[in-house]
Amino acid sequence: MSEHSLPRDVRGVHIHFVGIKGTGMAALVEIMHSRGAVITGSDVPERFYTDEILEKLGLAACTFSESNITDAVQYVIYSSAYNPDTNPDLIAARRRNIPCMLYTQALGALSQTAFSCGICGVHGKTTTTGLTGTLLKELHFPAQVLAGSVIASFGNSCTMTSDTCAENGHKYFVAETCEYQRHFMSFYPQKIILTSVESDHQDYYPTYNDIRDAFIDYICRLPAGGELIYCADDAGAVETAAIAKERRHDIVCTAYGEQASGSFRLSFGQIKDGLQFFTLQGLGEFALCVPGRHMVRNACAAIALCCSLLQQEGRAVDGASLNCLKEGLLRFTGGRRRSEIVGRAVTPAGESVIFIDDYGHHPTAIRTTLAGYREFYRGRKIIVDFMAHTYSRTQALMDEFAASFNDADEIILHKIYSSARENAADFTVTGRTLFEHAQKNYGSRVRYFDDFAGAAQALEKELACSAGPEYPDGYLVVTMGAGDNWKVASQILKTLEEQK
């Protein structure tokens, strides 16, 4: 057995997770625990939201120590955040010749034990995975699903295990697969969803062609007869699919979106009663209760994969199945930090305010997400608090970032949320650089605060006043980005609660 393999049956197998509190790691722990593995793990003492996931499983993280690696440990899975040459758990495991594998390698090994589907793209991976899992759950499909964040309809978990898995085994596996550093190349997909391709992760992919070619190589991992489900409305996805198809004539390509033909051709409908209605040409009308046309496209991708899997299983895409898909969409309310409503309050002026937190950290994600809020929350004044993530991305996409806030009434910016893989001294940009560029587009609508406390105080002062007659429904405050500026909304919510 190679070091990147796991036994098909992990019942009773002792696996130690180094960096167990990472989102992907905690999700993999859930999967392994559900399959009967014996789990231990280590991490830093700081508490994360994933501690709640571990506690539900009856698990707790130890601090890093060589003593964690006992004779009972058979495999070690570790996060890429930890170096095998310096982490005490990994040093001890290597000394004992215990097979060690990165999270991505373990995910790939797991994908070999089932009929697996990978969900990829620069945008929308987590939401599309969450939607797919929610639909498969409604269909009672024998599948396990792993997403890159907590999904409300998964029971506030990162994973979904169908109630039919106990009877039919873990026949199908669906997972969010990441393009960064070509991590998805460890995965063994039978079907792939591709949501979008454009320039990102400039520290690893300096050019658009670099990241596009990584997606092409991933698609080419499909077996003969494997299926690529791609967004026909995304130029990068269309180009990537065309090149992959040229290289691999033996794969099936299925398009979804407004520009698609066939069953998954999309038409947008009305927004009413808190729902977005849309129609798929071959399947009828559906509705979604989360905002944004990009969310509708993600739903189309999930529906397309579920229909394909139903046919794979020999089940008809009939009236009963379509009703399950429609009910499943209505049950999907989003995921942690994905258009997540984190609170509602009433201001001292008697105005309603909704607080949303969103992980969007790329100009396209900012633009499409805010456009979705503008359409969905027409009567609210939208204030967005954004924190850029990584110097390399901000520098490479400065003009795009500076022009991505058109649908916000007011914009607050902060310093750049740095990455451990970067040195700020290597770059000429700062958060103020982005602010200065954004001012050229938005003038006084954009403000800058180094610290979150200053931003919170300024917003509290503004929320004490009326939003104005053009905003009869009050305010929508959005914290956005991969950083920790969610603390701004947390502080404001706390203040409003104390003022009751």
Protein backbone atom coordinates (compact mmCIF):
# COMPACT_ATOMS: atom_id res chain seq x y z
CA MET A 1 0.00 0.00 0.00
CA SER A 2 1.44 3.41 -0.99
CA GLU A 3 1.67 6.24 1.47
CA HIS A 4 -1.15 8.02 -0.38
CA SER A 5 -3.62 5.17 0.00
CA LEU A 6 -6.24 4.44 2.60
CA PRO A 7 -8.02 1.12 3.15
CA ARG A 8 -11.46 0.95 1.56
CA ASP A 9 -12.86 -0.12 4.93
CA VAL A 10 -11.58 2.19 7.70
CA ARG A 11 -13.63 0.68 10.53
CA GLY A 12 -11.36 0.46 13.56
CA VAL A 13 -8.44 2.12 11.74
CA HIS A 14 -6.72 4.75 13.92
CA ILE A 15 -6.11 7.99 12.01
CA HIS A 16 -4.42 11.01 13.60
CA PHE A 17 -5.17 14.46 12.11
CA VAL A 18 -2.55 17.20 12.43
CA GLY A 19 -4.31 20.55 12.11
CA ILE A 20 -7.67 18.94 12.86
CA LYS A 21 -9.46 22.28 13.27
CA GLY A 22 -9.03 23.31 9.63
CA THR A 23 -12.32 23.44 7.76
CA GLY A 24 -11.38 20.76 5.24
CA MET A 25 -9.71 18.65 7.90
CA ALA A 26 -12.76 18.76 10.18
CA ALA A 27 -14.95 17.78 7.24
CA LEU A 28 -12.69 14.81 6.47
CA VAL A 29 -12.83 13.85 10.14
CA GLU A 30 -16.63 13.78 9.89
CA ILE A 31 -16.43 11.47 6.87
CA MET A 32 -13.91 9.11 8.49
CA HIS A 33 -15.80 9.09 11.78
CA SER A 34 -19.04 8.17 9.99
CA ARG A 35 -17.20 5.26 8.38
CA GLY A 36 -16.02 3.90 11.71
CA ALA A 37 -12.42 5.12 11.95
CA VAL A 38 -10.80 5.82 15.33
CA ILE A 39 -9.92 9.53 15.32
CA THR A 40 -7.44 11.63 17.27
CA GLY A 41 -6.08 15.03 16.34
CA SER A 42 -3.96 18.00 17.28
CA ASP A 43 -4.01 21.73 16.66
CA VAL A 44 -3.39 25.14 18.23
CA PRO A 45 -5.24 25.98 21.48
CA GLU A 46 -7.25 28.85 19.94
CA ARG A 47 -10.94 28.02 19.57
CA PHE A 48 -12.46 27.89 16.07
CA TYR A 49 -15.99 27.23 14.85
CA THR A 50 -14.83 23.76 13.84
CA ASP A 51 -14.41 22.92 17.54
CA GLU A 52 -18.20 22.65 17.61
CA ILE A 53 -18.08 20.08 14.80
CA LEU A 54 -15.47 18.02 16.65
CA GLU A 55 -17.39 18.23 19.94
CA LYS A 56 -20.54 16.88 18.27
CA LEU A 57 -18.46 13.83 17.36
CA GLY A 58 -17.15 13.50 20.91
CA LEU A 59 -13.66 14.60 19.86
CA ALA A 60 -11.24 17.21 21.19
CA ALA A 61 -7.97 18.48 19.76
CA CYS A 62 -4.73 18.00 21.67
CA THR A 63 -1.88 20.46 21.44
CA PHE A 64 0.99 19.45 19.17
CA SER A 65 3.30 16.92 20.82
CA GLU A 66 5.35 13.87 19.88
CA SER A 67 3.43 12.00 22.57
CA ASN A 68 0.28 12.19 20.40
CA ILE A 69 1.79 9.58 18.08
CA THR A 70 1.38 6.29 19.90
CA ASP A 71 1.80 2.70 18.75
CA ALA A 72 -1.93 2.65 18.01
CA VAL A 73 -1.77 5.30 15.26
CA GLN A 74 -1.89 3.70 11.79
CA TYR A 75 -2.18 6.76 9.50
CA VAL A 76 -1.52 10.48 9.84
CA ILE A 77 -3.30 13.12 7.77
CA TYR A 78 -1.99 16.66 8.01
CA SER A 79 -2.84 20.17 6.88
CA SER A 80 -0.51 21.95 4.46
CA ALA A 81 -0.19 24.65 7.13
CA TYR A 82 2.21 22.39 9.04
CA ASN A 83 5.73 21.39 8.01
CA PRO A 84 6.73 17.73 8.42
CA ASP A 85 10.25 18.89 9.32
CA THR A 86 9.16 21.07 12.25
CA ASN A 87 5.80 19.83 13.55
CA PRO A 88 6.38 17.47 16.52
CA ASP A 89 3.51 15.14 15.62
CA LEU A 90 4.78 14.73 12.07
CA ILE A 91 8.38 14.27 13.17
CA ALA A 92 7.30 11.48 15.51
CA ALA A 93 5.13 9.84 12.83
CA ARG A 94 7.96 9.83 10.33
CA ARG A 95 10.32 8.36 12.93
CA ARG A 96 7.83 5.51 13.43
CA ASN A 97 7.39 5.04 9.65
CA ILE A 98 3.67 5.74 9.90
CA PRO A 99 2.13 6.59 6.49
CA CYS A 100 1.55 10.36 6.33
CA MET A 101 -0.44 12.23 3.73
CA LEU A 102 -1.61 15.77 3.10
CA TYR A 103 -5.31 16.54 3.39
CA THR A 104 -5.57 16.77 -0.40
CA GLN A 105 -3.84 13.41 -0.83
CA ALA A 106 -6.18 11.82 1.73
CA LEU A 107 -9.18 13.33 -0.07
CA GLY A 108 -7.85 11.84 -3.29
CA ALA A 109 -7.37 8.46 -1.65
CA LEU A 110 -10.95 8.62 -0.37
CA SER A 111 -12.20 9.45 -3.86
CA GLN A 112 -10.78 6.15 -5.11
CA THR A 113 -13.11 4.20 -2.82
CA ALA A 114 -16.34 5.44 -4.47
CA PHE A 115 -17.88 6.83 -7.65
CA SER A 116 -16.58 10.35 -7.07
CA CYS A 117 -17.53 13.78 -8.39
CA GLY A 118 -15.34 16.87 -8.03
CA ILE A 119 -16.75 20.39 -7.88
CA CYS A 120 -14.26 23.05 -8.97
CA GLY A 121 -13.98 26.62 -10.20
CA VAL A 122 -12.54 29.95 -9.11
CA HIS A 123 -15.97 30.94 -7.73
CA GLY A 124 -18.92 29.05 -6.32
CA LYS A 125 -17.31 25.75 -5.29
CA THR A 126 -18.61 25.67 -1.73
CA THR A 127 -22.13 26.82 -2.53
CA THR A 128 -22.47 24.42 -5.46
CA THR A 129 -21.24 21.56 -3.28
CA GLY A 130 -23.71 22.53 -0.56
CA LEU A 131 -26.55 22.71 -3.05
CA THR A 132 -25.61 19.33 -4.53
CA GLY A 133 -25.51 17.70 -1.11
CA THR A 134 -28.85 19.21 -0.14
CA LEU A 135 -30.48 17.88 -3.32
CA LEU A 136 -28.94 14.41 -2.97
CA LYS A 137 -30.16 14.28 0.62
CA GLU A 138 -33.69 15.10 -0.55
CA LEU A 139 -33.38 12.38 -3.21
CA HIS A 140 -32.26 9.82 -0.56
CA PHE A 141 -29.28 9.14 -2.81
CA PRO A 142 -26.54 6.85 -1.43
CA ALA A 143 -23.87 9.54 -1.26
CA GLN A 144 -21.51 11.38 1.04
CA VAL A 145 -20.74 15.03 0.30
CA LEU A 146 -17.86 17.18 1.59
CA ALA A 147 -18.00 20.99 1.36
CA GLY A 148 -15.42 23.61 2.24
CA SER A 149 -17.59 25.29 4.85
CA VAL A 150 -20.45 24.62 7.26
CA ILE A 151 -23.72 24.21 5.31
CA ALA A 152 -26.93 24.95 7.20
CA SER A 153 -28.93 22.26 5.38
CA PHE A 154 -26.26 19.70 6.30
CA GLY A 155 -27.30 20.19 9.93
CA ASN A 156 -24.65 22.93 10.36
CA SER A 157 -21.96 20.49 9.30
CA CYS A 158 -19.39 20.46 6.49
CA THR A 159 -20.56 17.05 5.30
CA MET A 160 -23.74 15.25 4.35
CA THR A 161 -24.17 11.49 4.64
CA SER A 162 -27.38 10.21 3.10
CA ASP A 163 -29.68 8.09 5.23
CA THR A 164 -29.41 5.37 2.57
CA CYS A 165 -25.63 4.94 2.99
CA ALA A 166 -26.13 2.57 5.92
CA GLU A 167 -28.05 0.22 3.64
CA ASN A 168 -26.25 0.78 0.33
CA GLY A 169 -22.76 1.74 1.47
CA HIS A 170 -20.82 4.86 0.50
CA LYS A 171 -21.39 4.32 -3.18
CA TYR A 172 -21.03 7.94 -4.31
CA PHE A 173 -18.76 10.70 -3.06
CA VAL A 174 -19.03 14.39 -3.99
CA ALA A 175 -16.38 16.87 -2.84
CA GLU A 176 -15.30 20.45 -3.28
CA THR A 177 -11.89 20.30 -4.98
CA CYS A 178 -9.44 23.21 -4.88
CA GLU A 179 -7.30 24.57 -7.70
CA TYR A 180 -4.70 26.24 -5.48
CA GLN A 181 -1.28 24.65 -6.03
CA ARG A 182 -3.10 22.08 -8.22
CA HIS A 183 -4.45 20.38 -5.11
CA PHE A 184 -7.30 18.88 -7.11
CA MET A 185 -4.84 16.76 -9.08
CA SER A 186 -4.89 14.25 -6.19
CA PHE A 187 -8.62 13.64 -6.76
CA TYR A 188 -10.03 10.83 -8.93
CA PRO A 189 -13.26 12.18 -10.47
CA GLN A 190 -15.83 10.37 -12.58
CA LYS A 191 -17.75 13.62 -13.10
CA ILE A 192 -16.68 17.26 -12.67
CA ILE A 193 -18.58 20.51 -12.26
CA LEU A 194 -16.66 23.55 -13.51
CA THR A 195 -18.27 26.83 -12.39
CA SER A 196 -15.74 29.42 -13.55
CA VAL A 197 -12.17 30.06 -14.66
CA GLU A 198 -10.32 33.36 -14.41
CA SER A 199 -7.07 34.75 -13.06
CA ASP A 200 -6.57 34.15 -9.33
CA HIS A 201 -3.94 32.88 -6.85
CA GLN A 202 -1.34 34.99 -8.63
CA ASP A 203 1.36 33.82 -6.20
CA TYR A 204 1.08 30.38 -7.80
CA TYR A 205 -0.54 31.11 -11.19
CA PRO A 206 1.11 34.30 -12.54
CA THR A 207 -1.05 34.35 -15.68
CA TYR A 208 -4.57 33.41 -16.68
CA ASN A 209 -3.22 30.68 -18.95
CA ASP A 210 -1.45 29.10 -15.98
CA ILE A 211 -4.64 28.67 -13.96
CA ARG A 212 -6.69 27.71 -17.03
CA ASP A 213 -4.21 24.97 -17.88
CA ALA A 214 -4.47 23.59 -14.35
CA PHE A 215 -8.23 23.18 -14.78
CA ILE A 216 -7.68 21.54 -18.18
CA ASP A 217 -5.28 19.04 -16.64
CA TYR A 218 -7.80 18.27 -13.90
CA ILE A 219 -10.58 17.68 -16.41
CA CYS A 220 -8.28 15.33 -18.30
CA ARG A 221 -8.18 13.12 -15.20
CA LEU A 222 -11.71 12.05 -16.09
CA PRO A 223 -11.94 8.46 -17.33
CA ALA A 224 -13.27 7.58 -20.77
CA GLY A 225 -16.98 8.40 -20.72
CA GLY A 226 -16.51 10.74 -17.75
CA GLU A 227 -18.59 13.91 -17.72
CA LEU A 228 -17.73 17.60 -17.48
CA ILE A 229 -20.62 19.85 -16.43
CA TYR A 230 -19.61 23.45 -17.11
CA CYS A 231 -21.09 26.95 -17.00
CA ALA A 232 -21.85 28.20 -20.50
CA ASP A 233 -22.14 31.77 -19.15
CA ASP A 234 -18.53 31.93 -17.96
CA ALA A 235 -16.02 32.68 -20.74
CA GLY A 236 -13.15 30.97 -18.92
CA ALA A 237 -15.17 27.82 -18.28
CA VAL A 238 -16.29 27.70 -21.92
CA GLU A 239 -12.71 28.07 -23.19
CA THR A 240 -11.40 25.51 -20.71
CA ALA A 241 -14.11 22.99 -21.64
CA ALA A 242 -13.41 23.45 -25.37
CA ILE A 243 -9.65 22.82 -24.98
CA ALA A 244 -10.25 19.83 -22.71
CA LYS A 245 -12.76 18.36 -25.18
CA GLU A 246 -10.26 18.81 -28.01
CA ARG A 247 -7.70 16.83 -26.03
CA ARG A 248 -10.15 14.25 -24.77
CA HIS A 249 -12.79 13.33 -27.34
CA ASP A 250 -13.94 10.51 -25.06
CA ILE A 251 -15.44 12.71 -22.34
CA VAL A 252 -19.02 14.01 -22.25
CA CYS A 253 -19.51 17.78 -21.96
CA THR A 254 -22.78 19.14 -20.53
CA ALA A 255 -23.41 22.89 -20.42
CA TYR A 256 -25.70 24.82 -18.10
CA GLY A 257 -26.70 28.50 -18.01
CA GLU A 258 -28.38 31.09 -20.18
CA GLN A 259 -26.03 30.36 -23.09
CA ALA A 260 -26.51 26.60 -22.86
CA SER A 261 -28.74 24.46 -25.05
CA GLY A 262 -30.74 21.47 -23.92
CA SER A 263 -32.30 20.60 -20.57
CA PHE A 264 -30.13 22.95 -18.50
CA ARG A 265 -30.71 26.14 -20.48
CA LEU A 266 -31.53 28.79 -17.89
CA SER A 267 -34.12 31.55 -17.93
CA PHE A 268 -34.35 33.93 -14.97
CA GLY A 269 -37.78 34.67 -13.58
CA GLN A 270 -39.23 36.98 -10.95
CA ILE A 271 -38.03 37.72 -7.45
CA LYS A 272 -41.00 37.70 -5.12
CA ASP A 273 -41.85 36.68 -1.59
CA GLY A 274 -38.17 36.21 -0.78
CA LEU A 275 -37.60 33.75 -3.62
CA GLN A 276 -35.72 33.83 -6.92
CA PHE A 277 -37.64 31.95 -9.60
CA PHE A 278 -35.94 30.43 -12.63
CA THR A 279 -36.70 27.91 -15.36
CA LEU A 280 -34.61 25.15 -16.90
CA GLN A 281 -35.72 24.42 -20.44
CA GLY A 282 -36.15 20.69 -20.06
CA LEU A 283 -37.18 20.51 -16.41
CA GLY A 284 -39.54 23.34 -15.53
CA GLU A 285 -39.61 26.09 -12.89
CA PHE A 286 -37.59 26.15 -9.67
CA ALA A 287 -37.07 28.67 -6.86
CA LEU A 288 -34.19 29.55 -4.57
CA CYS A 289 -34.29 31.55 -1.33
CA VAL A 290 -30.72 32.91 -1.43
CA PRO A 291 -29.89 36.07 -3.41
CA GLY A 292 -27.89 36.43 -6.59
CA ARG A 293 -27.98 35.24 -10.17
CA HIS A 294 -24.65 33.53 -9.54
CA MET A 295 -26.45 31.45 -6.89
CA VAL A 296 -29.05 30.44 -9.47
CA ARG A 297 -26.28 29.31 -11.81
CA ASN A 298 -24.76 27.28 -8.98
CA ALA A 299 -28.17 25.70 -8.45
CA CYS A 300 -28.33 24.82 -12.16
CA ALA A 301 -24.96 23.06 -11.87
CA ALA A 302 -26.14 21.08 -8.85
CA ILE A 303 -29.36 20.07 -10.62
CA ALA A 304 -27.41 18.97 -13.70
CA LEU A 305 -25.08 16.77 -11.62
CA CYS A 306 -27.97 15.27 -9.65
CA CYS A 307 -29.87 14.42 -12.84
CA SER A 308 -26.74 12.80 -14.25
CA LEU A 309 -26.23 10.76 -11.07
CA LEU A 310 -29.87 9.66 -11.07
CA GLN A 311 -29.35 8.29 -14.56
CA GLN A 312 -26.07 6.70 -13.47
CA GLU A 313 -28.01 4.93 -10.70
CA GLY A 314 -30.71 3.81 -13.15
CA ARG A 315 -33.35 6.14 -11.68
CA ALA A 316 -35.63 8.24 -13.83
CA VAL A 317 -35.62 12.02 -13.81
CA ASP A 318 -39.40 12.00 -13.42
CA GLY A 319 -42.02 14.07 -11.65
CA ALA A 320 -41.16 12.62 -8.25
CA SER A 321 -37.45 13.31 -8.69
CA LEU A 322 -38.10 16.85 -9.92
CA ASN A 323 -40.31 17.53 -6.91
CA CYS A 324 -37.46 16.39 -4.66
CA LEU A 325 -35.07 18.74 -6.46
CA LYS A 326 -37.48 21.64 -6.08
CA GLU A 327 -38.01 20.92 -2.37
CA GLY A 328 -34.28 20.56 -1.86
CA LEU A 329 -33.56 23.98 -3.35
CA LEU A 330 -36.07 25.58 -1.00
CA ARG A 331 -34.32 23.94 1.96
CA PHE A 332 -30.95 25.42 1.00
CA THR A 333 -30.26 28.58 3.01
CA GLY A 334 -26.53 28.91 2.36
CA GLY A 335 -23.34 28.19 4.25
CA ARG A 336 -21.01 29.76 6.77
CA ARG A 337 -19.63 33.00 5.31
CA ARG A 338 -21.50 32.45 2.03
CA SER A 339 -24.16 35.19 2.00
CA GLU A 340 -24.76 34.17 5.60
CA ILE A 341 -27.29 36.27 7.50
CA VAL A 342 -25.48 36.71 10.82
CA GLY A 343 -28.03 38.95 12.49
CA ARG A 344 -31.03 41.23 12.28
CA ALA A 345 -31.68 44.27 14.41
CA VAL A 346 -33.62 47.48 14.76
CA THR A 347 -31.66 50.72 14.92
CA PRO A 348 -32.30 53.52 17.46
CA ALA A 349 -34.14 55.31 14.65
CA GLY A 350 -36.47 52.33 14.30
CA GLU A 351 -34.92 51.19 11.02
CA SER A 352 -34.53 47.52 10.13
CA VAL A 353 -30.98 46.31 9.48
CA ILE A 354 -29.84 42.93 8.16
CA PHE A 355 -26.21 41.87 8.61
CA ILE A 356 -24.70 39.50 6.03
CA ASP A 357 -21.20 38.00 6.03
CA ASP A 358 -19.72 36.74 2.76
CA TYR A 359 -16.38 35.17 1.86
CA GLY A 360 -16.18 36.84 -1.56
CA HIS A 361 -12.57 37.97 -2.04
CA HIS A 362 -12.18 38.24 -5.82
CA PRO A 363 -13.47 41.20 -7.88
CA THR A 364 -15.89 39.01 -9.83
CA ALA A 365 -17.30 37.51 -6.63
CA ILE A 366 -17.71 40.99 -5.10
CA ARG A 367 -19.45 42.37 -8.18
CA THR A 368 -21.87 39.47 -8.72
CA THR A 369 -22.68 39.07 -5.03
CA LEU A 370 -23.46 42.76 -4.52
CA ALA A 371 -25.52 42.77 -7.73
CA GLY A 372 -27.51 39.89 -6.28
CA TYR A 373 -28.12 41.79 -3.05
CA ARG A 374 -29.21 44.88 -4.97
CA GLU A 375 -31.78 42.86 -6.89
CA PHE A 376 -32.96 40.85 -3.88
CA TYR A 377 -33.01 43.67 -1.31
CA ARG A 378 -34.27 46.50 -3.51
CA GLY A 379 -35.58 48.64 -0.66
CA ARG A 380 -32.42 48.62 1.50
CA LYS A 381 -29.38 50.87 1.66
CA ILE A 382 -26.36 48.61 1.09
CA ILE A 383 -23.18 49.26 3.05
CA VAL A 384 -20.28 46.91 2.34
CA ASP A 385 -17.22 46.54 4.57
CA PHE A 386 -14.50 44.81 2.51
CA MET A 387 -11.06 43.52 3.46
CA ALA A 388 -8.74 42.48 0.63
CA HIS A 389 -6.94 39.13 0.96
CA THR A 390 -3.32 38.63 -0.13
CA TYR A 391 -1.00 41.28 -1.51
CA SER A 392 -0.41 39.37 -4.74
CA ARG A 393 -4.11 39.17 -5.62
CA THR A 394 -4.73 42.82 -4.68
CA GLN A 395 -1.75 44.05 -6.71
CA ALA A 396 -2.56 41.94 -9.77
CA LEU A 397 -6.27 42.86 -9.81
CA MET A 398 -6.13 46.40 -8.40
CA ASP A 399 -8.24 48.05 -11.11
CA GLU A 400 -10.80 45.26 -11.01
CA PHE A 401 -11.13 45.47 -7.22
CA ALA A 402 -11.44 49.26 -7.34
CA ALA A 403 -14.38 49.01 -9.77
CA SER A 404 -16.25 46.08 -8.21
CA PHE A 405 -18.53 47.94 -5.75
CA ASN A 406 -21.05 49.51 -8.12
CA ASP A 407 -24.06 48.08 -6.33
CA ALA A 408 -23.06 49.30 -2.87
CA ASP A 409 -24.32 52.65 -1.62
CA GLU A 410 -21.36 52.98 0.70
CA ILE A 411 -18.00 51.19 0.87
CA ILE A 412 -15.60 50.74 3.79
CA LEU A 413 -12.10 49.41 3.14
CA HIS A 414 -9.34 48.15 5.44
CA LYS A 415 -5.71 47.11 5.36
CA ILE A 416 -4.89 43.95 3.42
CA TYR A 417 -5.41 40.65 5.21
CA SER A 418 -2.06 39.02 4.63
CA SER A 419 -1.20 35.40 3.97
CA ALA A 420 1.55 33.45 5.69
CA ARG A 421 2.86 32.54 2.24
CA GLU A 422 3.61 36.22 1.43
CA ASN A 423 5.95 38.92 2.69
CA ALA A 424 4.34 42.37 2.67
CA ALA A 425 7.73 43.97 2.03
CA ASP A 426 7.79 42.33 -1.40
CA PHE A 427 4.81 44.39 -2.59
CA THR A 428 4.12 48.06 -3.19
CA VAL A 429 0.37 47.94 -2.52
CA THR A 430 -1.48 48.46 0.75
CA GLY A 431 -5.09 48.75 1.76
CA ARG A 432 -4.79 52.51 1.30
CA THR A 433 -3.65 51.94 -2.29
CA LEU A 434 -6.93 50.16 -3.00
CA PHE A 435 -8.82 52.95 -1.21
CA GLU A 436 -7.18 55.60 -3.41
CA HIS A 437 -8.03 53.66 -6.57
CA ALA A 438 -11.61 53.08 -5.42
CA GLN A 439 -12.03 56.80 -4.68
CA LYS A 440 -11.52 57.50 -8.38
CA ASN A 441 -14.68 55.46 -9.07
CA TYR A 442 -16.81 56.15 -6.02
CA GLY A 443 -15.61 59.41 -4.49
CA SER A 444 -17.00 60.08 -1.02
CA ARG A 445 -18.96 56.81 -1.07
CA VAL A 446 -15.77 55.00 -0.02
CA ARG A 447 -14.02 55.35 3.35
CA TYR A 448 -10.93 53.75 4.87
CA PHE A 449 -10.30 52.50 8.42
CA ASP A 450 -7.13 50.78 9.59
CA ASP A 451 -8.90 49.36 12.63
CA PHE A 452 -12.23 47.62 12.94
CA ALA A 453 -13.26 49.62 16.02
CA GLY A 454 -13.19 52.85 14.03
CA ALA A 455 -15.29 51.32 11.26
CA ALA A 456 -17.81 49.95 13.76
CA GLN A 457 -18.15 53.32 15.51
CA ALA A 458 -18.69 55.14 12.21
CA LEU A 459 -21.34 52.65 11.14
CA GLU A 460 -23.09 52.77 14.51
CA LYS A 461 -23.34 56.53 14.13
CA GLU A 462 -24.79 56.19 10.64
CA LEU A 463 -27.28 53.49 11.61
CA ALA A 464 -28.62 55.79 14.32
CA CYS A 465 -30.12 57.86 11.51
CA SER A 466 -32.77 57.04 8.94
CA ALA A 467 -31.64 55.36 5.73
CA GLY A 468 -33.76 57.85 3.81
CA PRO A 469 -37.03 57.73 1.86
CA GLU A 470 -35.41 55.94 -1.08
CA TYR A 471 -34.66 52.99 1.22
CA PRO A 472 -38.01 52.14 2.87
CA ASP A 473 -36.81 48.75 4.13
CA GLY A 474 -33.79 50.12 6.03
CA TYR A 475 -30.20 48.92 5.82
CA LEU A 476 -28.20 45.94 4.61
CA VAL A 477 -24.70 45.78 6.12
CA VAL A 478 -22.34 43.34 4.37
CA THR A 479 -18.95 42.29 5.69
CA MET A 480 -17.06 40.75 2.79
CA GLY A 481 -13.70 39.10 2.23
CA ALA A 482 -11.53 36.23 3.45
CA GLY A 483 -10.25 38.23 6.43
CA ASP A 484 -11.59 38.82 9.92
CA ASN A 485 -13.56 42.03 9.29
CA TRP A 486 -16.68 40.09 10.25
CA LYS A 487 -15.78 41.49 13.66
CA VAL A 488 -17.16 44.86 12.54
CA ALA A 489 -20.69 43.48 12.26
CA SER A 490 -20.25 41.51 15.46
CA GLN A 491 -19.42 44.69 17.36
CA ILE A 492 -22.34 46.63 15.89
CA LEU A 493 -24.79 43.83 16.66
CA LYS A 494 -23.53 43.76 20.25
CA THR A 495 -24.00 47.53 20.57
CA LEU A 496 -27.52 47.45 19.13
CA GLU A 497 -28.43 44.62 21.49
CA GLU A 498 -27.18 46.62 24.48
CA GLN A 499 -29.23 49.65 23.36
CA LYS A 500 -32.52 47.77 23.48
